[in-house]
Amino acid sequence: MQQIKIFKGIENDLSALENEVNAWLRDSNATVAKIIGNIAPQTLSRNVKSEGLSTGEYCPSDVLLIVLYGVGVDN
């Protein structure tokens, strides 16, 4: 049977998101069929300097990862 697992993080802390996903993959022993992702830019903030991937005046973007995986005998 196929299922999904959703992970959410922010672009200025991608290593934490990566660690979370890798730990889940290691602990769950899931058979991954596909991983898709999206990065959603945030609204311009005149008072906040970016600490994300870019050097503009934007807040760090949200990052969404969706893992499609199989479990049980139907892998």
PDB file of N, CA and C in Angstrom:
ATOM      1  N   MET A   1       0.846  -1.171   0.000  1.00  0.00           N
ATOM      2  CA  MET A   1       0.000   0.000   0.000  1.00  0.00           C
ATOM      3  C   MET A   1       0.898   1.243   0.000  1.00  0.00           C
ATOM      4  N   GLN A   2       0.540   2.229  -0.803  1.00  0.00           N
ATOM      5  CA  GLN A   2       1.320   3.471  -0.830  1.00  0.00           C
ATOM      6  C   GLN A   2       0.729   4.483   0.142  1.00  0.00           C
ATOM      7  N   GLN A   3       1.618   5.258   0.750  1.00  0.00           N
ATOM      8  CA  GLN A   3       1.234   6.300   1.688  1.00  0.00           C
ATOM      9  C   GLN A   3       2.106   7.517   1.427  1.00  0.00           C
ATOM     10  N   ILE A   4       1.756   8.642   2.082  1.00  0.00           N
ATOM     11  CA  ILE A   4       2.582   9.845   1.976  1.00  0.00           C
ATOM     12  C   ILE A   4       3.044  10.280   3.351  1.00  0.00           C
ATOM     13  N   LYS A   5       4.163  10.965   3.363  1.00  0.00           N
ATOM     14  CA  LYS A   5       4.701  11.609   4.569  1.00  0.00           C
ATOM     15  C   LYS A   5       5.073  13.020   4.149  1.00  0.00           C
ATOM     16  N   ILE A   6       4.619  14.009   4.906  1.00  0.00           N
ATOM     17  CA  ILE A   6       4.858  15.410   4.578  1.00  0.00           C
ATOM     18  C   ILE A   6       5.830  16.007   5.598  1.00  0.00           C
ATOM     19  N   PHE A   7       6.831  16.708   5.076  1.00  0.00           N
ATOM     20  CA  PHE A   7       7.816  17.401   5.901  1.00  0.00           C
ATOM     21  C   PHE A   7       7.781  18.874   5.543  1.00  0.00           C
ATOM     22  N   LYS A   8       7.895  19.745   6.549  1.00  0.00           N
ATOM     23  CA  LYS A   8       7.908  21.190   6.318  1.00  0.00           C
ATOM     24  C   LYS A   8       9.087  21.792   7.061  1.00  0.00           C
ATOM     25  N   GLY A   9       9.764  22.722   6.405  1.00  0.00           N
ATOM     26  CA  GLY A   9      10.885  23.416   7.030  1.00  0.00           C
ATOM     27  C   GLY A   9      10.991  24.818   6.465  1.00  0.00           C
ATOM     28  N   ILE A  10      12.087  25.491   6.800  1.00  0.00           N
ATOM     29  CA  ILE A  10      12.343  26.814   6.243  1.00  0.00           C
ATOM     30  C   ILE A  10      13.717  26.809   5.595  1.00  0.00           C
ATOM     31  N   GLU A  11      13.858  27.653   4.581  1.00  0.00           N
ATOM     32  CA  GLU A  11      15.069  27.598   3.755  1.00  0.00           C
ATOM     33  C   GLU A  11      16.353  27.932   4.499  1.00  0.00           C
ATOM     34  N   ASN A  12      16.281  28.698   5.567  1.00  0.00           N
ATOM     35  CA  ASN A  12      17.530  29.023   6.262  1.00  0.00           C
ATOM     36  C   ASN A  12      17.928  27.954   7.269  1.00  0.00           C
ATOM     37  N   ASP A  13      17.174  26.850   7.310  1.00  0.00           N
ATOM     38  CA  ASP A  13      17.524  25.722   8.171  1.00  0.00           C
ATOM     39  C   ASP A  13      17.297  24.409   7.428  1.00  0.00           C
ATOM     40  N   LEU A  14      17.812  24.348   6.205  1.00  0.00           N
ATOM     41  CA  LEU A  14      17.624  23.155   5.387  1.00  0.00           C
ATOM     42  C   LEU A  14      18.314  21.931   5.969  1.00  0.00           C
ATOM     43  N   SER A  15      19.400  22.129   6.680  1.00  0.00           N
ATOM     44  CA  SER A  15      20.098  20.973   7.251  1.00  0.00           C
ATOM     45  C   SER A  15      19.218  20.259   8.290  1.00  0.00           C
ATOM     46  N   ALA A  16      18.413  20.995   9.045  1.00  0.00           N
ATOM     47  CA  ALA A  16      17.504  20.367  10.008  1.00  0.00           C
ATOM     48  C   ALA A  16      16.436  19.554   9.283  1.00  0.00           C
ATOM     49  N   LEU A  17      15.910  20.102   8.191  1.00  0.00           N
ATOM     50  CA  LEU A  17      14.915  19.382   7.397  1.00  0.00           C
ATOM     51  C   LEU A  17      15.541  18.123   6.793  1.00  0.00           C
ATOM     52  N   GLU A  18      16.732  18.267   6.265  1.00  0.00           N
ATOM     53  CA  GLU A  18      17.444  17.117   5.696  1.00  0.00           C
ATOM     54  C   GLU A  18      17.668  16.042   6.752  1.00  0.00           C
ATOM     55  N   ASN A  19      18.094  16.446   7.939  1.00  0.00           N
ATOM     56  CA  ASN A  19      18.316  15.487   9.031  1.00  0.00           C
ATOM     57  C   ASN A  19      17.022  14.795   9.431  1.00  0.00           C
ATOM     58  N   GLU A  20      15.920  15.556   9.485  1.00  0.00           N
ATOM     59  CA  GLU A  20      14.625  14.976   9.849  1.00  0.00           C
ATOM     60  C   GLU A  20      14.180  13.934   8.825  1.00  0.00           C
ATOM     61  N   VAL A  21      14.298  14.267   7.547  1.00  0.00           N
ATOM     62  CA  VAL A  21      13.906  13.338   6.487  1.00  0.00           C
ATOM     63  C   VAL A  21      14.794  12.101   6.503  1.00  0.00           C
ATOM     64  N   ASN A  22      16.098  12.301   6.600  1.00  0.00           N
ATOM     65  CA  ASN A  22      17.015  11.158   6.621  1.00  0.00           C
ATOM     66  C   ASN A  22      16.779  10.248   7.821  1.00  0.00           C
ATOM     67  N   ALA A  23      16.501  10.822   8.977  1.00  0.00           N
ATOM     68  CA  ALA A  23      16.219  10.015  10.169  1.00  0.00           C
ATOM     69  C   ALA A  23      14.937   9.209   9.972  1.00  0.00           C
ATOM     70  N   TRP A  24      13.914   9.841   9.410  1.00  0.00           N
ATOM     71  CA  TRP A  24      12.662   9.123   9.169  1.00  0.00           C
ATOM     72  C   TRP A  24      12.875   7.983   8.171  1.00  0.00           C
ATOM     73  N   LEU A  25      13.617   8.256   7.093  1.00  0.00           N
ATOM     74  CA  LEU A  25      13.895   7.210   6.103  1.00  0.00           C
ATOM     75  C   LEU A  25      14.633   6.035   6.739  1.00  0.00           C
ATOM     76  N   ARG A  26      15.615   6.350   7.557  1.00  0.00           N
ATOM     77  CA  ARG A  26      16.415   5.312   8.218  1.00  0.00           C
ATOM     78  C   ARG A  26      15.556   4.510   9.201  1.00  0.00           C
ATOM     79  N   ASP A  27      14.748   5.199  10.011  1.00  0.00           N
ATOM     80  CA  ASP A  27      13.973   4.539  11.061  1.00  0.00           C
ATOM     81  C   ASP A  27      12.734   3.816  10.539  1.00  0.00           C
ATOM     82  N   SER A  28      12.132   4.341   9.479  1.00  0.00           N
ATOM     83  CA  SER A  28      10.879   3.767   8.980  1.00  0.00           C
ATOM     84  C   SER A  28      11.102   2.564   8.078  1.00  0.00           C
ATOM     85  N   ASN A  29      12.291   2.480   7.484  1.00  0.00           N
ATOM     86  CA  ASN A  29      12.587   1.411   6.539  1.00  0.00           C
ATOM     87  C   ASN A  29      11.592   1.418   5.374  1.00  0.00           C
ATOM     88  N   ALA A  30      11.097   2.592   5.018  1.00  0.00           N
ATOM     89  CA  ALA A  30      10.123   2.746   3.933  1.00  0.00           C
ATOM     90  C   ALA A  30      10.809   2.562   2.588  1.00  0.00           C
ATOM     91  N   THR A  31      10.029   2.098   1.621  1.00  0.00           N
ATOM     92  CA  THR A  31      10.497   2.007   0.244  1.00  0.00           C
ATOM     93  C   THR A  31       9.974   3.237  -0.488  1.00  0.00           C
ATOM     94  N   VAL A  32      10.855   4.159  -0.803  1.00  0.00           N
ATOM     95  CA  VAL A  32      10.468   5.444  -1.396  1.00  0.00           C
ATOM     96  C   VAL A  32      10.185   5.269  -2.882  1.00  0.00           C
ATOM     97  N   ALA A  33       9.002   5.746  -3.297  1.00  0.00           N
ATOM     98  CA  ALA A  33       8.637   5.729  -4.711  1.00  0.00           C
ATOM     99  C   ALA A  33       8.981   7.062  -5.365  1.00  0.00           C
ATOM    100  N   LYS A  34       8.773   8.150  -4.623  1.00  0.00           N
ATOM    101  CA  LYS A  34       9.015   9.479  -5.191  1.00  0.00           C
ATOM    102  C   LYS A  34       9.100  10.498  -4.068  1.00  0.00           C
ATOM    103  N   ILE A  35       9.932  11.513  -4.271  1.00  0.00           N
ATOM    104  CA  ILE A  35       9.991  12.662  -3.368  1.00  0.00           C
ATOM    105  C   ILE A  35       9.797  13.907  -4.224  1.00  0.00           C
ATOM    106  N   ILE A  36       8.823  14.717  -3.837  1.00  0.00           N
ATOM    107  CA  ILE A  36       8.596  15.984  -4.531  1.00  0.00           C
ATOM    108  C   ILE A  36       8.673  17.109  -3.511  1.00  0.00           C
ATOM    109  N   GLY A  37       8.963  18.303  -3.988  1.00  0.00           N
ATOM    110  CA  GLY A  37       9.108  19.409  -3.062  1.00  0.00           C
ATOM    111  C   GLY A  37       8.712  20.731  -3.680  1.00  0.00           C
ATOM    112  N   ASN A  38       8.592  21.716  -2.816  1.00  0.00           N
ATOM    113  CA  ASN A  38       8.229  23.059  -3.236  1.00  0.00           C
ATOM    114  C   ASN A  38       8.836  24.052  -2.247  1.00  0.00           C
ATOM    115  N   ILE A  39       9.219  25.198  -2.774  1.00  0.00           N
ATOM    116  CA  ILE A  39       9.690  26.292  -1.926  1.00  0.00           C
ATOM    117  C   ILE A  39       8.759  27.467  -2.193  1.00  0.00           C
ATOM    118  N   ALA A  40       8.211  28.036  -1.136  1.00  0.00           N
ATOM    119  CA  ALA A  40       7.225  29.107  -1.265  1.00  0.00           C
ATOM    120  C   ALA A  40       7.811  30.412  -0.754  1.00  0.00           C
ATOM    121  N   PRO A  41       8.061  31.358  -1.662  1.00  0.00           N
ATOM    122  CA  PRO A  41       8.602  32.650  -1.227  1.00  0.00           C
ATOM    123  C   PRO A  41       7.637  33.373  -0.300  1.00  0.00           C
ATOM    124  N   GLN A  42       8.202  34.107   0.629  1.00  0.00           N
ATOM    125  CA  GLN A  42       7.397  34.829   1.603  1.00  0.00           C
ATOM    126  C   GLN A  42       7.275  36.307   1.221  1.00  0.00           C
ATOM    127  N   THR A  43       6.416  36.997   1.905  1.00  0.00           N
ATOM    128  CA  THR A  43       6.165  38.412   1.652  1.00  0.00           C
ATOM    129  C   THR A  43       7.379  39.263   1.997  1.00  0.00           C
ATOM    130  N   LEU A  44       7.605  40.298   1.213  1.00  0.00           N
ATOM    131  CA  LEU A  44       8.703  41.226   1.450  1.00  0.00           C
ATOM    132  C   LEU A  44       8.561  41.886   2.814  1.00  0.00           C
ATOM    133  N   SER A  45       9.636  41.889   3.563  1.00  0.00           N
ATOM    134  CA  SER A  45       9.651  42.552   4.861  1.00  0.00           C
ATOM    135  C   SER A  45      10.726  43.634   4.823  1.00  0.00           C
ATOM    136  N   ARG A  46      10.369  44.859   5.055  1.00  0.00           N
ATOM    137  CA  ARG A  46      11.331  45.958   4.980  1.00  0.00           C
ATOM    138  C   ARG A  46      12.271  45.999   6.173  1.00  0.00           C
ATOM    139  N   ASN A  47      11.911  45.302   7.257  1.00  0.00           N
ATOM    140  CA  ASN A  47      12.713  45.360   8.474  1.00  0.00           C
ATOM    141  C   ASN A  47      13.596  44.134   8.704  1.00  0.00           C
ATOM    142  N   VAL A  48      13.447  43.105   7.870  1.00  0.00           N
ATOM    143  CA  VAL A  48      14.162  41.859   8.105  1.00  0.00           C
ATOM    144  C   VAL A  48      15.131  41.611   6.969  1.00  0.00           C
ATOM    145  N   LYS A  49      16.393  41.426   7.290  1.00  0.00           N
ATOM    146  CA  LYS A  49      17.394  41.039   6.297  1.00  0.00           C
ATOM    147  C   LYS A  49      17.350  39.522   6.159  1.00  0.00           C
ATOM    148  N   SER A  50      17.479  39.045   4.928  1.00  0.00           N
ATOM    149  CA  SER A  50      17.392  37.618   4.665  1.00  0.00           C
ATOM    150  C   SER A  50      18.543  36.853   5.306  1.00  0.00           C
ATOM    151  N   GLU A  51      18.220  35.710   5.861  1.00  0.00           N
ATOM    152  CA  GLU A  51      19.224  34.764   6.323  1.00  0.00           C
ATOM    153  C   GLU A  51      19.079  33.474   5.547  1.00  0.00           C
ATOM    154  N   GLY A  52      18.351  33.530   4.432  1.00  0.00           N
ATOM    155  CA  GLY A  52      18.094  32.346   3.637  1.00  0.00           C
ATOM    156  C   GLY A  52      19.120  32.150   2.542  1.00  0.00           C
ATOM    157  N   LEU A  53      18.688  31.508   1.477  1.00  0.00           N
ATOM    158  CA  LEU A  53      19.584  31.196   0.371  1.00  0.00           C
ATOM    159  C   LEU A  53      19.927  32.424  -0.453  1.00  0.00           C
ATOM    160  N   SER A  54      19.021  33.383  -0.496  1.00  0.00           N
ATOM    161  CA  SER A  54      19.277  34.598  -1.263  1.00  0.00           C
ATOM    162  C   SER A  54      19.724  35.717  -0.330  1.00  0.00           C
ATOM    163  N   THR A  55      20.127  36.855  -0.921  1.00  0.00           N
ATOM    164  CA  THR A  55      20.635  37.954  -0.094  1.00  0.00           C
ATOM    165  C   THR A  55      19.705  39.153  -0.113  1.00  0.00           C
ATOM    166  N   GLY A  56      18.453  38.978  -0.510  1.00  0.00           N
ATOM    167  CA  GLY A  56      17.504  40.080  -0.553  1.00  0.00           C
ATOM    168  C   GLY A  56      16.906  40.364   0.803  1.00  0.00           C
ATOM    169  N   GLU A  57      15.851  41.173   0.796  1.00  0.00           N
ATOM    170  CA  GLU A  57      15.190  41.532   2.049  1.00  0.00           C
ATOM    171  C   GLU A  57      13.943  40.700   2.268  1.00  0.00           C
ATOM    172  N   TYR A  58      13.986  39.440   1.922  1.00  0.00           N
ATOM    173  CA  TYR A  58      12.844  38.551   2.066  1.00  0.00           C
ATOM    174  C   TYR A  58      12.992  37.663   3.286  1.00  0.00           C
ATOM    175  N   CYS A  59      11.868  37.323   3.886  1.00  0.00           N
ATOM    176  CA  CYS A  59      11.868  36.341   4.966  1.00  0.00           C
ATOM    177  C   CYS A  59      12.233  34.990   4.379  1.00  0.00           C
ATOM    178  N   PRO A  60      12.804  34.094   5.166  1.00  0.00           N
ATOM    179  CA  PRO A  60      13.110  32.761   4.657  1.00  0.00           C
ATOM    180  C   PRO A  60      11.847  32.066   4.142  1.00  0.00           C
ATOM    181  N   SER A  61      11.976  31.370   3.042  1.00  0.00           N
ATOM    182  CA  SER A  61      10.848  30.690   2.423  1.00  0.00           C
ATOM    183  C   SER A  61      10.529  29.379   3.124  1.00  0.00           C
ATOM    184  N   ASP A  62       9.259  28.981   3.023  1.00  0.00           N
ATOM    185  CA  ASP A  62       8.844  27.666   3.502  1.00  0.00           C
ATOM    186  C   ASP A  62       9.260  26.618   2.476  1.00  0.00           C
ATOM    187  N   VAL A  63       9.691  25.474   2.971  1.00  0.00           N
ATOM    188  CA  VAL A  63      10.055  24.358   2.109  1.00  0.00           C
ATOM    189  C   VAL A  63       9.159  23.188   2.482  1.00  0.00           C
ATOM    190  N   LEU A  64       8.542  22.575   1.466  1.00  0.00           N
ATOM    191  CA  LEU A  64       7.646  21.445   1.669  1.00  0.00           C
ATOM    192  C   LEU A  64       8.180  20.257   0.893  1.00  0.00           C
ATOM    193  N   LEU A  65       8.305  19.112   1.554  1.00  0.00           N
ATOM    194  CA  LEU A  65       8.699  17.867   0.900  1.00  0.00           C
ATOM    195  C   LEU A  65       7.603  16.840   1.127  1.00  0.00           C
ATOM    196  N   ILE A  66       7.226  16.148   0.068  1.00  0.00           N
ATOM    197  CA  ILE A  66       6.237  15.076   0.158  1.00  0.00           C
ATOM    198  C   ILE A  66       6.905  13.800  -0.315  1.00  0.00           C
ATOM    199  N   VAL A  67       6.881  12.795   0.545  1.00  0.00           N
ATOM    200  CA  VAL A  67       7.487  11.509   0.230  1.00  0.00           C
ATOM    201  C   VAL A  67       6.368  10.509  -0.021  1.00  0.00           C
ATOM    202  N   LEU A  68       6.342   9.908  -1.206  1.00  0.00           N
ATOM    203  CA  LEU A  68       5.436   8.830  -1.532  1.00  0.00           C
ATOM    204  C   LEU A  68       6.208   7.537  -1.305  1.00  0.00           C
ATOM    205  N   TYR A  69       5.664   6.677  -0.459  1.00  0.00           N
ATOM    206  CA  TYR A  69       6.406   5.472  -0.089  1.00  0.00           C
ATOM    207  C   TYR A  69       5.472   4.282   0.032  1.00  0.00           C
ATOM    208  N   GLY A  70       6.066   3.113  -0.015  1.00  0.00           N
ATOM    209  CA  GLY A  70       5.302   1.895   0.117  1.00  0.00           C
ATOM    210  C   GLY A  70       5.562   1.230   1.451  1.00  0.00           C
ATOM    211  N   VAL A  71       4.540   0.557   1.957  1.00  0.00           N
ATOM    212  CA  VAL A  71       4.661  -0.221   3.196  1.00  0.00           C
ATOM    213  C   VAL A  71       3.935  -1.544   2.994  1.00  0.00           C
ATOM    214  N   GLY A  72       4.281  -2.517   3.798  1.00  0.00           N
ATOM    215  CA  GLY A  72       3.601  -3.802   3.739  1.00  0.00           C
ATOM    216  C   GLY A  72       3.991  -4.629   2.536  1.00  0.00           C
ATOM    217  N   VAL A  73       3.135  -5.551   2.140  1.00  0.00           N
ATOM    218  CA  VAL A  73       3.440  -6.496   1.070  1.00  0.00           C
ATOM    219  C   VAL A  73       3.232  -5.917  -0.312  1.00  0.00           C
ATOM    220  N   ASP A  74       2.599  -4.757  -0.440  1.00  0.00           N
ATOM    221  CA  ASP A  74       2.312  -4.171  -1.741  1.00  0.00           C
ATOM    222  C   ASP A  74       3.390  -3.208  -2.202  1.00  0.00           C
ATOM    223  N   ASN A  75       4.559  -3.213  -1.610  1.00  0.00           N
ATOM    224  CA  ASN A  75       5.627  -2.277  -1.985  1.00  0.00           C
ATOM    225  C   ASN A  75       5.787  -2.316  -3.457  1.00  0.00           C
TER     226      ASN A  75
END
